[in-house]
PDB file of N, CA and C in Angstrom:
ATOM      1  N   MET A   1     115.843 112.363  75.609  1.00  0.00           N
ATOM      2  CA  MET A   1     115.879 110.929  75.434  1.00  0.00           C
ATOM      3  C   MET A   1     115.664 110.211  76.768  1.00  0.00           C
ATOM      4  N   GLU A   2     116.245 110.729  77.825  1.00  0.00           N
ATOM      5  CA  GLU A   2     116.129 110.095  79.124  1.00  0.00           C
ATOM      6  C   GLU A   2     114.676 110.060  79.603  1.00  0.00           C
ATOM      7  N   LEU A   3     113.930 111.134  79.362  1.00  0.00           N
ATOM      8  CA  LEU A   3     112.530 111.184  79.767  1.00  0.00           C
ATOM      9  C   LEU A   3     111.720 110.125  79.028  1.00  0.00           C
ATOM     10  N   ARG A   4     111.964 109.933  77.767  1.00  0.00           N
ATOM     11  CA  ARG A   4     111.249 108.908  76.998  1.00  0.00           C
ATOM     12  C   ARG A   4     111.532 107.514  77.537  1.00  0.00           C
ATOM     13  N   GLU A   5     112.768 107.273  77.923  1.00  0.00           N
ATOM     14  CA  GLU A   5     113.120 105.968  78.493  1.00  0.00           C
ATOM     15  C   GLU A   5     112.400 105.747  79.811  1.00  0.00           C
ATOM     16  N   GLU A   6     112.350 106.783  80.641  1.00  0.00           N
ATOM     17  CA  GLU A   6     111.657 106.690  81.924  1.00  0.00           C
ATOM     18  C   GLU A   6     110.159 106.487  81.703  1.00  0.00           C
ATOM     19  N   GLU A   7     109.610 107.206  80.756  1.00  0.00           N
ATOM     20  CA  GLU A   7     108.191 107.060  80.417  1.00  0.00           C
ATOM     21  C   GLU A   7     107.896 105.635  79.953  1.00  0.00           C
ATOM     22  N   ALA A   8     108.761 105.081  79.143  1.00  0.00           N
ATOM     23  CA  ALA A   8     108.592 103.703  78.667  1.00  0.00           C
ATOM     24  C   ALA A   8     108.650 102.714  79.827  1.00  0.00           C
ATOM     25  N   ARG A   9     109.542 102.961  80.792  1.00  0.00           N
ATOM     26  CA  ARG A   9     109.630 102.092  81.975  1.00  0.00           C
ATOM     27  C   ARG A   9     108.330 102.126  82.781  1.00  0.00           C
ATOM     28  N   VAL A  10     107.772 103.324  82.937  1.00  0.00           N
ATOM     29  CA  VAL A  10     106.527 103.467  83.697  1.00  0.00           C
ATOM     30  C   VAL A  10     105.385 102.766  82.969  1.00  0.00           C
ATOM     31  N   TYR A  11     105.281 102.976  81.661  1.00  0.00           N
ATOM     32  CA  TYR A  11     104.224 102.307  80.894  1.00  0.00           C
ATOM     33  C   TYR A  11     104.364 100.790  80.960  1.00  0.00           C
ATOM     34  N   SER A  12     105.582 100.315  80.882  1.00  0.00           N
ATOM     35  CA  SER A  12     105.825  98.876  80.968  1.00  0.00           C
ATOM     36  C   SER A  12     105.418  98.338  82.335  1.00  0.00           C
ATOM     37  N   ALA A  13     105.758  99.077  83.385  1.00  0.00           N
ATOM     38  CA  ALA A  13     105.392  98.663  84.746  1.00  0.00           C
ATOM     39  C   ALA A  13     103.876  98.648  84.913  1.00  0.00           C
ATOM     40  N   LEU A  14     103.203  99.659  84.387  1.00  0.00           N
ATOM     41  CA  LEU A  14     101.740  99.695  84.455  1.00  0.00           C
ATOM     42  C   LEU A  14     101.122  98.533  83.684  1.00  0.00           C
ATOM     43  N   ALA A  15     101.673  98.231  82.528  1.00  0.00           N
ATOM     44  CA  ALA A  15     101.152  97.130  81.716  1.00  0.00           C
ATOM     45  C   ALA A  15     101.348  95.782  82.387  1.00  0.00           C
ATOM     46  N   SER A  16     102.322  95.698  83.283  1.00  0.00           N
ATOM     47  CA  SER A  16     102.587  94.428  83.960  1.00  0.00           C
ATOM     48  C   SER A  16     101.594  94.135  85.086  1.00  0.00           C
ATOM     49  N   LEU A  17     100.814  95.144  85.471  1.00  0.00           N
ATOM     50  CA  LEU A  17      99.833  94.939  86.536  1.00  0.00           C
ATOM     51  C   LEU A  17      98.688  94.054  86.044  1.00  0.00           C
ATOM     52  N   PRO A  18      98.156  93.226  86.924  1.00  0.00           N
ATOM     53  CA  PRO A  18      96.946  92.484  86.571  1.00  0.00           C
ATOM     54  C   PRO A  18      95.822  93.486  86.252  1.00  0.00           C
ATOM     55  N   PRO A  19      94.897  93.090  85.389  1.00  0.00           N
ATOM     56  CA  PRO A  19      93.842  94.028  84.958  1.00  0.00           C
ATOM     57  C   PRO A  19      93.071  94.698  86.099  1.00  0.00           C
ATOM     58  N   THR A  20      92.722  93.965  87.136  1.00  0.00           N
ATOM     59  CA  THR A  20      91.959  94.572  88.234  1.00  0.00           C
ATOM     60  C   THR A  20      92.781  95.620  88.957  1.00  0.00           C
ATOM     61  N   GLN A  21      94.044  95.338  89.194  1.00  0.00           N
ATOM     62  CA  GLN A  21      94.910  96.310  89.858  1.00  0.00           C
ATOM     63  C   GLN A  21      95.076  97.552  88.992  1.00  0.00           C
ATOM     64  N   ARG A  22      95.244  97.354  87.696  1.00  0.00           N
ATOM     65  CA  ARG A  22      95.404  98.480  86.776  1.00  0.00           C
ATOM     66  C   ARG A  22      94.136  99.345  86.755  1.00  0.00           C
ATOM     67  N   ARG A  23      92.997  98.703  86.745  1.00  0.00           N
ATOM     68  CA  ARG A  23      91.713  99.416  86.702  1.00  0.00           C
ATOM     69  C   ARG A  23      91.498 100.223  87.996  1.00  0.00           C
ATOM     70  N   VAL A  24      91.740  99.584  89.137  1.00  0.00           N
ATOM     71  CA  VAL A  24      91.568 100.262  90.428  1.00  0.00           C
ATOM     72  C   VAL A  24      92.540 101.433  90.548  1.00  0.00           C
ATOM     73  N   LEU A  25      93.769 101.251  90.129  1.00  0.00           N
ATOM     74  CA  LEU A  25      94.765 102.319  90.181  1.00  0.00           C
ATOM     75  C   LEU A  25      94.340 103.487  89.293  1.00  0.00           C
ATOM     76  N   ALA A  26      93.846 103.197  88.107  1.00  0.00           N
ATOM     77  CA  ALA A  26      93.415 104.256  87.188  1.00  0.00           C
ATOM     78  C   ALA A  26      92.284 105.081  87.799  1.00  0.00           C
ATOM     79  N   TRP A  27      91.296 104.414  88.376  1.00  0.00           N
ATOM     80  CA  TRP A  27      90.194 105.127  89.022  1.00  0.00           C
ATOM     81  C   TRP A  27      90.721 105.985  90.172  1.00  0.00           C
ATOM     82  N   SER A  28      91.618 105.433  90.956  1.00  0.00           N
ATOM     83  CA  SER A  28      92.179 106.157  92.086  1.00  0.00           C
ATOM     84  C   SER A  28      92.947 107.394  91.618  1.00  0.00           C
ATOM     85  N   LEU A  29      93.745 107.239  90.582  1.00  0.00           N
ATOM     86  CA  LEU A  29      94.509 108.363  90.052  1.00  0.00           C
ATOM     87  C   LEU A  29      93.606 109.438  89.458  1.00  0.00           C
ATOM     88  N   ASP A  30      92.408 109.039  89.044  1.00  0.00           N
ATOM     89  CA  ASP A  30      91.427 110.008  88.537  1.00  0.00           C
ATOM     90  C   ASP A  30      90.677 110.709  89.666  1.00  0.00           C
ATOM     91  N   GLY A  31      91.016 110.371  90.925  1.00  0.00           N
ATOM     92  CA  GLY A  31      90.459 111.083  92.061  1.00  0.00           C
ATOM     93  C   GLY A  31      89.260 110.435  92.736  1.00  0.00           C
ATOM     94  N   PHE A  32      88.920 109.221  92.326  1.00  0.00           N
ATOM     95  CA  PHE A  32      87.791 108.536  92.945  1.00  0.00           C
ATOM     96  C   PHE A  32      88.212 107.882  94.255  1.00  0.00           C
ATOM     97  N   THR A  33      87.302 107.878  95.232  1.00  0.00           N
ATOM     98  CA  THR A  33      87.577 107.234  96.512  1.00  0.00           C
ATOM     99  C   THR A  33      87.395 105.724  96.376  1.00  0.00           C
ATOM    100  N   ALA A  34      87.877 105.004  97.359  1.00  0.00           N
ATOM    101  CA  ALA A  34      87.723 103.543  97.360  1.00  0.00           C
ATOM    102  C   ALA A  34      86.241 103.161  97.340  1.00  0.00           C
ATOM    103  N   SER A  35      85.417 103.912  98.032  1.00  0.00           N
ATOM    104  CA  SER A  35      83.974 103.631  98.050  1.00  0.00           C
ATOM    105  C   SER A  35      83.353 103.843  96.676  1.00  0.00           C
ATOM    106  N   GLU A  36      83.762 104.893  95.996  1.00  0.00           N
ATOM    107  CA  GLU A  36      83.231 105.166  94.655  1.00  0.00           C
ATOM    108  C   GLU A  36      83.685 104.099  93.661  1.00  0.00           C
ATOM    109  N   VAL A  37      84.956 103.726  93.745  1.00  0.00           N
ATOM    110  CA  VAL A  37      85.482 102.680  92.859  1.00  0.00           C
ATOM    111  C   VAL A  37      84.755 101.368  93.127  1.00  0.00           C
ATOM    112  N   SER A  38      84.548 101.088  94.388  1.00  0.00           N
ATOM    113  CA  SER A  38      83.845  99.884  94.798  1.00  0.00           C
ATOM    114  C   SER A  38      82.466  99.800  94.150  1.00  0.00           C
ATOM    115  N   ALA A  39      81.720 100.884  94.219  1.00  0.00           N
ATOM    116  CA  ALA A  39      80.375 100.916  93.654  1.00  0.00           C
ATOM    117  C   ALA A  39      80.399 100.759  92.136  1.00  0.00           C
ATOM    118  N   GLU A  40      81.343 101.401  91.480  1.00  0.00           N
ATOM    119  CA  GLU A  40      81.426 101.346  90.016  1.00  0.00           C
ATOM    120  C   GLU A  40      81.873  99.984  89.488  1.00  0.00           C
ATOM    121  N   LEU A  41      82.813  99.354  90.205  1.00  0.00           N
ATOM    122  CA  LEU A  41      83.381  98.095  89.718  1.00  0.00           C
ATOM    123  C   LEU A  41      82.729  96.860  90.340  1.00  0.00           C
ATOM    124  N   GLY A  42      81.783  97.064  91.246  1.00  0.00           N
ATOM    125  CA  GLY A  42      81.095  95.937  91.866  1.00  0.00           C
ATOM    126  C   GLY A  42      81.988  95.095  92.755  1.00  0.00           C
ATOM    127  N   MET A  43      82.872  95.770  93.480  1.00  0.00           N
ATOM    128  CA  MET A  43      83.799  95.112  94.397  1.00  0.00           C
ATOM    129  C   MET A  43      83.548  95.656  95.792  1.00  0.00           C
ATOM    130  N   THR A  44      84.019  94.933  96.800  1.00  0.00           N
ATOM    131  CA  THR A  44      83.954  95.499  98.142  1.00  0.00           C
ATOM    132  C   THR A  44      85.007  96.596  98.259  1.00  0.00           C
ATOM    133  N   THR A  45      84.773  97.495  99.189  1.00  0.00           N
ATOM    134  CA  THR A  45      85.741  98.572  99.423  1.00  0.00           C
ATOM    135  C   THR A  45      87.079  97.982  99.855  1.00  0.00           C
ATOM    136  N   GLU A  46      87.037  96.933 100.657  1.00  0.00           N
ATOM    137  CA  GLU A  46      88.280  96.291 101.099  1.00  0.00           C
ATOM    138  C   GLU A  46      89.041  95.702  99.911  1.00  0.00           C
ATOM    139  N   ALA A  47      88.338  95.103  98.960  1.00  0.00           N
ATOM    140  CA  ALA A  47      88.992  94.538  97.771  1.00  0.00           C
ATOM    141  C   ALA A  47      89.639  95.644  96.936  1.00  0.00           C
ATOM    142  N   VAL A  48      88.982  96.784  96.854  1.00  0.00           N
ATOM    143  CA  VAL A  48      89.557  97.926  96.133  1.00  0.00           C
ATOM    144  C   VAL A  48      90.844  98.361  96.820  1.00  0.00           C
ATOM    145  N   ARG A  49      90.787  98.525  98.128  1.00  0.00           N
ATOM    146  CA  ARG A  49      91.978  98.961  98.879  1.00  0.00           C
ATOM    147  C   ARG A  49      93.118  97.959  98.740  1.00  0.00           C
ATOM    148  N   GLN A  50      92.784  96.685  98.815  1.00  0.00           N
ATOM    149  CA  GLN A  50      93.802  95.643  98.708  1.00  0.00           C
ATOM    150  C   GLN A  50      94.443  95.646  97.315  1.00  0.00           C
ATOM    151  N   ASN A  51      93.631  95.761  96.279  1.00  0.00           N
ATOM    152  CA  ASN A  51      94.169  95.809  94.926  1.00  0.00           C
ATOM    153  C   ASN A  51      95.008  97.053  94.694  1.00  0.00           C
ATOM    154  N   LEU A  52      94.598  98.173  95.254  1.00  0.00           N
ATOM    155  CA  LEU A  52      95.361  99.407  95.127  1.00  0.00           C
ATOM    156  C   LEU A  52      96.711  99.285  95.836  1.00  0.00           C
ATOM    157  N   SER A  53      96.705  98.709  97.018  1.00  0.00           N
ATOM    158  CA  SER A  53      97.941  98.505  97.765  1.00  0.00           C
ATOM    159  C   SER A  53      98.902  97.594  97.005  1.00  0.00           C
ATOM    160  N   ARG A  54      98.370  96.511  96.472  1.00  0.00           N
ATOM    161  CA  ARG A  54      99.203  95.574  95.709  1.00  0.00           C
ATOM    162  C   ARG A  54      99.744  96.218  94.438  1.00  0.00           C
ATOM    163  N   ALA A  55      98.918  97.024  93.776  1.00  0.00           N
ATOM    164  CA  ALA A  55      99.365  97.707  92.554  1.00  0.00           C
ATOM    165  C   ALA A  55     100.516  98.661  92.874  1.00  0.00           C
ATOM    166  N   ARG A  56     100.366  99.422  93.932  1.00  0.00           N
ATOM    167  CA  ARG A  56     101.429 100.362  94.311  1.00  0.00           C
ATOM    168  C   ARG A  56     102.715  99.633  94.664  1.00  0.00           C
ATOM    169  N   ALA A  57     102.596  98.551  95.413  1.00  0.00           N
ATOM    170  CA  ALA A  57     103.785  97.782  95.799  1.00  0.00           C
ATOM    171  C   ALA A  57     104.476  97.193  94.570  1.00  0.00           C
ATOM    172  N   ARG A  58     103.693  96.673  93.641  1.00  0.00           N
ATOM    173  CA  ARG A  58     104.273  96.081  92.434  1.00  0.00           C
ATOM    174  C   ARG A  58     104.958  97.149  91.587  1.00  0.00           C
ATOM    175  N   LEU A  59     104.340  98.314  91.466  1.00  0.00           N
ATOM    176  CA  LEU A  59     104.962  99.398  90.703  1.00  0.00           C
ATOM    177  C   LEU A  59     106.267  99.849  91.353  1.00  0.00           C
ATOM    178  N   LYS A  60     106.261 100.000  92.664  1.00  0.00           N
ATOM    179  CA  LYS A  60     107.490 100.385  93.360  1.00  0.00           C
ATOM    180  C   LYS A  60     108.594  99.375  93.100  1.00  0.00           C
ATOM    181  N   ASP A  61     108.243  98.113  93.164  1.00  0.00           N
ATOM    182  CA  ASP A  61     109.227  97.064  92.927  1.00  0.00           C
ATOM    183  C   ASP A  61     109.743  97.113  91.488  1.00  0.00           C
ATOM    184  N   ARG A  62     108.831  97.197  90.528  1.00  0.00           N
ATOM    185  CA  ARG A  62     109.212  97.211  89.107  1.00  0.00           C
ATOM    186  C   ARG A  62     110.044  98.435  88.732  1.00  0.00           C
ATOM    187  N   LEU A  63     109.787  99.549  89.409  1.00  0.00           N
ATOM    188  CA  LEU A  63     110.498 100.786  89.086  1.00  0.00           C
ATOM    189  C   LEU A  63     111.728 101.002  89.973  1.00  0.00           C
ATOM    190  N   GLY A  64     112.026 100.037  90.839  1.00  0.00           N
ATOM    191  CA  GLY A  64     113.205 100.139  91.689  1.00  0.00           C
ATOM    192  C   GLY A  64     113.053 101.150  92.808  1.00  0.00           C
ATOM    193  N   LEU A  65     111.833 101.359  93.267  1.00  0.00           N
ATOM    194  CA  LEU A  65     111.583 102.343  94.307  1.00  0.00           C
ATOM    195  C   LEU A  65     111.205 101.708  95.639  1.00  0.00           C
ATOM    196  N   ALA A  66     111.268 100.400  95.737  1.00  0.00           N
ATOM    197  CA  ALA A  66     110.804  99.678  96.917  1.00  0.00           C
ATOM    198  C   ALA A  66     111.541 100.093  98.186  1.00  0.00           C
ATOM    199  N   ASN A  67     112.806 100.453  98.086  1.00  0.00           N
ATOM    200  CA  ASN A  67     113.581 100.837  99.267  1.00  0.00           C
ATOM    201  C   ASN A  67     113.874 102.317  99.292  1.00  0.00           C
ATOM    202  N   GLY A  68     113.030 103.085  98.619  1.00  0.00           N
ATOM    203  CA  GLY A  68     113.179 104.534  98.631  1.00  0.00           C
ATOM    204  C   GLY A  68     114.188 105.063  97.634  1.00  0.00           C
ATOM    205  N   GLY A  69     114.810 104.186  96.874  1.00  0.00           N
ATOM    206  CA  GLY A  69     115.805 104.642  95.918  1.00  0.00           C
ATOM    207  C   GLY A  69     115.292 104.572  94.498  1.00  0.00           C
ATOM    208  N   GLY A  70     115.953 105.228  93.622  1.00  0.00           N
ATOM    209  CA  GLY A  70     115.637 105.173  92.192  1.00  0.00           C
ATOM    210  C   GLY A  70     116.792 104.564  91.450  1.00  0.00           C
ATOM    211  N   GLN A  71     116.690 104.550  90.155  1.00  0.00           N
ATOM    212  CA  GLN A  71     117.793 104.004  89.372  1.00  0.00           C
ATOM    213  C   GLN A  71     118.726 105.073  88.899  1.00  0.00           C
TER     214      GLN A  71
END
């Protein structure tokens, strides 16, 4: 039961990301580089990196991991 609750928290946190951040994060998690994501999504490499950084920060905050701790 605990794993399902944690999974639901992660899905909820992912769903809370703006669409561009969610898309960039998904490509990154699939192993694509910022340059490859940039070419596929028609964004600058810097915009990809910035969106990825913001997505990670937002997820850490939403999941209570911002200060290295968990719940």
